[in-house]
């Protein structure tokens, strides 16, 4: 049986301190949403 790894990514917040109109996890940095960097790390 193969070993399994589970990750829970807590991605929440409205980004009010960033003065942005969408949640901070969806704000793009270098063309990639912040959540994308996190998910890529666990991929």
PDB file of N, CA and C in Angstrom:
ATOM      1  N   UNK A   1       0.845  -1.180   0.000  1.00  0.00           N
ATOM      2  CA  UNK A   1       0.000   0.000   0.000  1.00  0.00           C
ATOM      3  C   UNK A   1       0.890   1.241   0.000  1.00  0.00           C
ATOM      4  N   UNK A   2       0.568   2.195  -0.824  1.00  0.00           N
ATOM      5  CA  UNK A   2       1.350   3.432  -0.934  1.00  0.00           C
ATOM      6  C   UNK A   2       1.058   4.361   0.248  1.00  0.00           C
ATOM      7  N   UNK A   3       2.076   5.089   0.652  1.00  0.00           N
ATOM      8  CA  UNK A   3       1.882   6.090   1.706  1.00  0.00           C
ATOM      9  C   UNK A   3       1.060   7.249   1.152  1.00  0.00           C
ATOM     10  N   UNK A   4       0.244   7.824   2.003  1.00  0.00           N
ATOM     11  CA  UNK A   4      -0.576   8.967   1.594  1.00  0.00           C
ATOM     12  C   UNK A   4      -0.201  10.176   2.432  1.00  0.00           C
ATOM     13  N   UNK A   5      -0.237  11.315   1.795  1.00  0.00           N
ATOM     14  CA  UNK A   5       0.008  12.576   2.480  1.00  0.00           C
ATOM     15  C   UNK A   5      -1.205  13.461   2.253  1.00  0.00           C
ATOM     16  N   UNK A   6      -1.659  14.083   3.316  1.00  0.00           N
ATOM     17  CA  UNK A   6      -2.824  14.957   3.229  1.00  0.00           C
ATOM     18  C   UNK A   6      -2.409  16.343   3.704  1.00  0.00           C
ATOM     19  N   UNK A   7      -2.846  17.372   2.982  1.00  0.00           N
ATOM     20  CA  UNK A   7      -2.575  18.751   3.386  1.00  0.00           C
ATOM     21  C   UNK A   7      -3.887  19.513   3.399  1.00  0.00           C
ATOM     22  N   UNK A   8      -4.074  20.291   4.429  1.00  0.00           N
ATOM     23  CA  UNK A   8      -5.246  21.166   4.512  1.00  0.00           C
ATOM     24  C   UNK A   8      -4.735  22.588   4.356  1.00  0.00           C
ATOM     25  N   UNK A   9      -5.178  23.244   3.299  1.00  0.00           N
ATOM     26  CA  UNK A   9      -4.754  24.614   3.031  1.00  0.00           C
ATOM     27  C   UNK A   9      -5.849  25.552   3.520  1.00  0.00           C
ATOM     28  N   UNK A  10      -5.510  26.336   4.514  1.00  0.00           N
ATOM     29  CA  UNK A  10      -6.452  27.314   5.042  1.00  0.00           C
ATOM     30  C   UNK A  10      -6.278  28.610   4.258  1.00  0.00           C
ATOM     31  N   UNK A  11      -7.235  28.900   3.416  1.00  0.00           N
ATOM     32  CA  UNK A  11      -7.147  30.097   2.573  1.00  0.00           C
ATOM     33  C   UNK A  11      -8.423  30.901   2.741  1.00  0.00           C
ATOM     34  N   UNK A  12      -8.337  31.900   3.559  1.00  0.00           N
ATOM     35  CA  UNK A  12      -9.515  32.721   3.797  1.00  0.00           C
ATOM     36  C   UNK A  12      -9.125  34.164   3.987  1.00  0.00           C
ATOM     37  N   UNK A  13     -10.095  34.983   4.082  1.00  0.00           N
ATOM     38  CA  UNK A  13      -9.853  36.400   4.294  1.00  0.00           C
ATOM     39  C   UNK A  13     -10.387  37.207   3.132  1.00  0.00           C
ATOM     40  N   UNK A  14     -10.659  38.457   3.417  1.00  0.00           N
ATOM     41  CA  UNK A  14     -11.233  39.308   2.371  1.00  0.00           C
ATOM     42  C   UNK A  14     -10.241  40.313   1.818  1.00  0.00           C
ATOM     43  N   UNK A  15      -9.073  40.426   2.406  1.00  0.00           N
ATOM     44  CA  UNK A  15      -8.056  41.332   1.894  1.00  0.00           C
ATOM     45  C   UNK A  15      -8.348  42.794   2.153  1.00  0.00           C
ATOM     46  N   UNK A  16      -9.071  43.105   3.203  1.00  0.00           N
ATOM     47  CA  UNK A  16      -9.452  44.492   3.470  1.00  0.00           C
ATOM     48  C   UNK A  16      -8.235  45.389   3.732  1.00  0.00           C
ATOM     49  N   UNK A  17      -7.199  44.865   4.333  1.00  0.00           N
ATOM     50  CA  UNK A  17      -5.994  45.678   4.577  1.00  0.00           C
ATOM     51  C   UNK A  17      -5.216  45.930   3.289  1.00  0.00           C
ATOM     52  N   UNK A  18      -5.484  45.136   2.261  1.00  0.00           N
ATOM     53  CA  UNK A  18      -4.816  45.325   0.981  1.00  0.00           C
ATOM     54  C   UNK A  18      -5.582  46.283   0.077  1.00  0.00           C
ATOM     55  N   UNK A  19      -6.738  46.751   0.544  1.00  0.00           N
ATOM     56  CA  UNK A  19      -7.596  47.636  -0.261  1.00  0.00           C
ATOM     57  C   UNK A  19      -7.856  47.041  -1.642  1.00  0.00           C
ATOM     58  N   UNK A  20      -8.271  45.799  -1.657  1.00  0.00           N
ATOM     59  CA  UNK A  20      -8.536  45.091  -2.914  1.00  0.00           C
ATOM     60  C   UNK A  20      -9.984  44.643  -2.924  1.00  0.00           C
ATOM     61  N   UNK A  21     -10.537  44.442  -4.116  1.00  0.00           N
ATOM     62  CA  UNK A  21     -11.949  44.086  -4.242  1.00  0.00           C
ATOM     63  C   UNK A  21     -12.220  42.588  -4.257  1.00  0.00           C
ATOM     64  N   UNK A  22     -11.187  41.773  -4.185  1.00  0.00           N
ATOM     65  CA  UNK A  22     -11.397  40.320  -4.148  1.00  0.00           C
ATOM     66  C   UNK A  22     -10.570  39.705  -3.015  1.00  0.00           C
ATOM     67  N   UNK A  23     -10.927  38.490  -2.610  1.00  0.00           N
ATOM     68  CA  UNK A  23     -10.189  37.831  -1.519  1.00  0.00           C
ATOM     69  C   UNK A  23      -8.692  37.723  -1.834  1.00  0.00           C
ATOM     70  N   UNK A  24      -7.879  37.881  -0.794  1.00  0.00           N
ATOM     71  CA  UNK A  24      -6.424  37.936  -0.995  1.00  0.00           C
ATOM     72  C   UNK A  24      -5.835  36.674  -1.609  1.00  0.00           C
ATOM     73  N   UNK A  25      -6.441  35.526  -1.391  1.00  0.00           N
ATOM     74  CA  UNK A  25      -5.885  34.304  -1.970  1.00  0.00           C
ATOM     75  C   UNK A  25      -6.022  34.261  -3.487  1.00  0.00           C
ATOM     76  N   UNK A  26      -6.870  35.130  -4.042  1.00  0.00           N
ATOM     77  CA  UNK A  26      -7.063  35.179  -5.496  1.00  0.00           C
ATOM     78  C   UNK A  26      -6.354  36.356  -6.149  1.00  0.00           C
ATOM     79  N   UNK A  27      -5.671  37.190  -5.360  1.00  0.00           N
ATOM     80  CA  UNK A  27      -4.906  38.299  -5.922  1.00  0.00           C
ATOM     81  C   UNK A  27      -3.696  37.721  -6.642  1.00  0.00           C
ATOM     82  N   UNK A  28      -3.452  38.209  -7.837  1.00  0.00           N
ATOM     83  CA  UNK A  28      -2.357  37.664  -8.640  1.00  0.00           C
ATOM     84  C   UNK A  28      -1.031  38.341  -8.327  1.00  0.00           C
ATOM     85  N   UNK A  29       0.001  37.521  -8.241  1.00  0.00           N
ATOM     86  CA  UNK A  29       1.376  37.981  -8.082  1.00  0.00           C
ATOM     87  C   UNK A  29       2.161  37.358  -9.222  1.00  0.00           C
ATOM     88  N   UNK A  30       2.723  38.175 -10.065  1.00  0.00           N
ATOM     89  CA  UNK A  30       3.438  37.696 -11.264  1.00  0.00           C
ATOM     90  C   UNK A  30       2.529  36.823 -12.133  1.00  0.00           C
ATOM     91  N   UNK A  31       1.246  37.166 -12.208  1.00  0.00           N
ATOM     92  CA  UNK A  31       0.311  36.455 -13.075  1.00  0.00           C
ATOM     93  C   UNK A  31      -0.274  35.179 -12.505  1.00  0.00           C
ATOM     94  N   UNK A  32       0.056  34.842 -11.270  1.00  0.00           N
ATOM     95  CA  UNK A  32      -0.448  33.617 -10.633  1.00  0.00           C
ATOM     96  C   UNK A  32      -1.146  33.995  -9.337  1.00  0.00           C
ATOM     97  N   UNK A  33      -2.366  33.496  -9.109  1.00  0.00           N
ATOM     98  CA  UNK A  33      -3.032  33.775  -7.832  1.00  0.00           C
ATOM     99  C   UNK A  33      -2.202  33.231  -6.666  1.00  0.00           C
ATOM    100  N   UNK A  34      -2.233  33.919  -5.541  1.00  0.00           N
ATOM    101  CA  UNK A  34      -1.456  33.514  -4.367  1.00  0.00           C
ATOM    102  C   UNK A  34      -1.741  32.064  -3.999  1.00  0.00           C
ATOM    103  N   UNK A  35      -2.991  31.652  -4.055  1.00  0.00           N
ATOM    104  CA  UNK A  35      -3.348  30.273  -3.719  1.00  0.00           C
ATOM    105  C   UNK A  35      -2.658  29.276  -4.663  1.00  0.00           C
ATOM    106  N   UNK A  36      -2.374  29.694  -5.882  1.00  0.00           N
ATOM    107  CA  UNK A  36      -1.692  28.841  -6.836  1.00  0.00           C
ATOM    108  C   UNK A  36      -0.292  28.469  -6.394  1.00  0.00           C
ATOM    109  N   UNK A  37       0.414  29.413  -5.783  1.00  0.00           N
ATOM    110  CA  UNK A  37       1.754  29.130  -5.272  1.00  0.00           C
ATOM    111  C   UNK A  37       1.702  28.097  -4.167  1.00  0.00           C
ATOM    112  N   UNK A  38       0.707  28.220  -3.308  1.00  0.00           N
ATOM    113  CA  UNK A  38       0.561  27.284  -2.187  1.00  0.00           C
ATOM    114  C   UNK A  38       0.247  25.881  -2.713  1.00  0.00           C
ATOM    115  N   UNK A  39      -0.709  25.794  -3.622  1.00  0.00           N
ATOM    116  CA  UNK A  39      -1.095  24.486  -4.161  1.00  0.00           C
ATOM    117  C   UNK A  39       0.036  23.837  -4.937  1.00  0.00           C
ATOM    118  N   UNK A  40       0.805  24.618  -5.661  1.00  0.00           N
ATOM    119  CA  UNK A  40       1.937  24.091  -6.430  1.00  0.00           C
ATOM    120  C   UNK A  40       2.983  23.472  -5.493  1.00  0.00           C
ATOM    121  N   UNK A  41       3.158  24.086  -4.332  1.00  0.00           N
ATOM    122  CA  UNK A  41       4.116  23.579  -3.352  1.00  0.00           C
ATOM    123  C   UNK A  41       3.740  22.173  -2.895  1.00  0.00           C
ATOM    124  N   UNK A  42       2.446  21.917  -2.731  1.00  0.00           N
ATOM    125  CA  UNK A  42       1.995  20.613  -2.257  1.00  0.00           C
ATOM    126  C   UNK A  42       1.764  19.607  -3.370  1.00  0.00           C
ATOM    127  N   UNK A  43       1.851  20.043  -4.608  1.00  0.00           N
ATOM    128  CA  UNK A  43       1.578  19.166  -5.740  1.00  0.00           C
ATOM    129  C   UNK A  43       2.640  18.085  -5.869  1.00  0.00           C
TER     130      UNK A  43
END
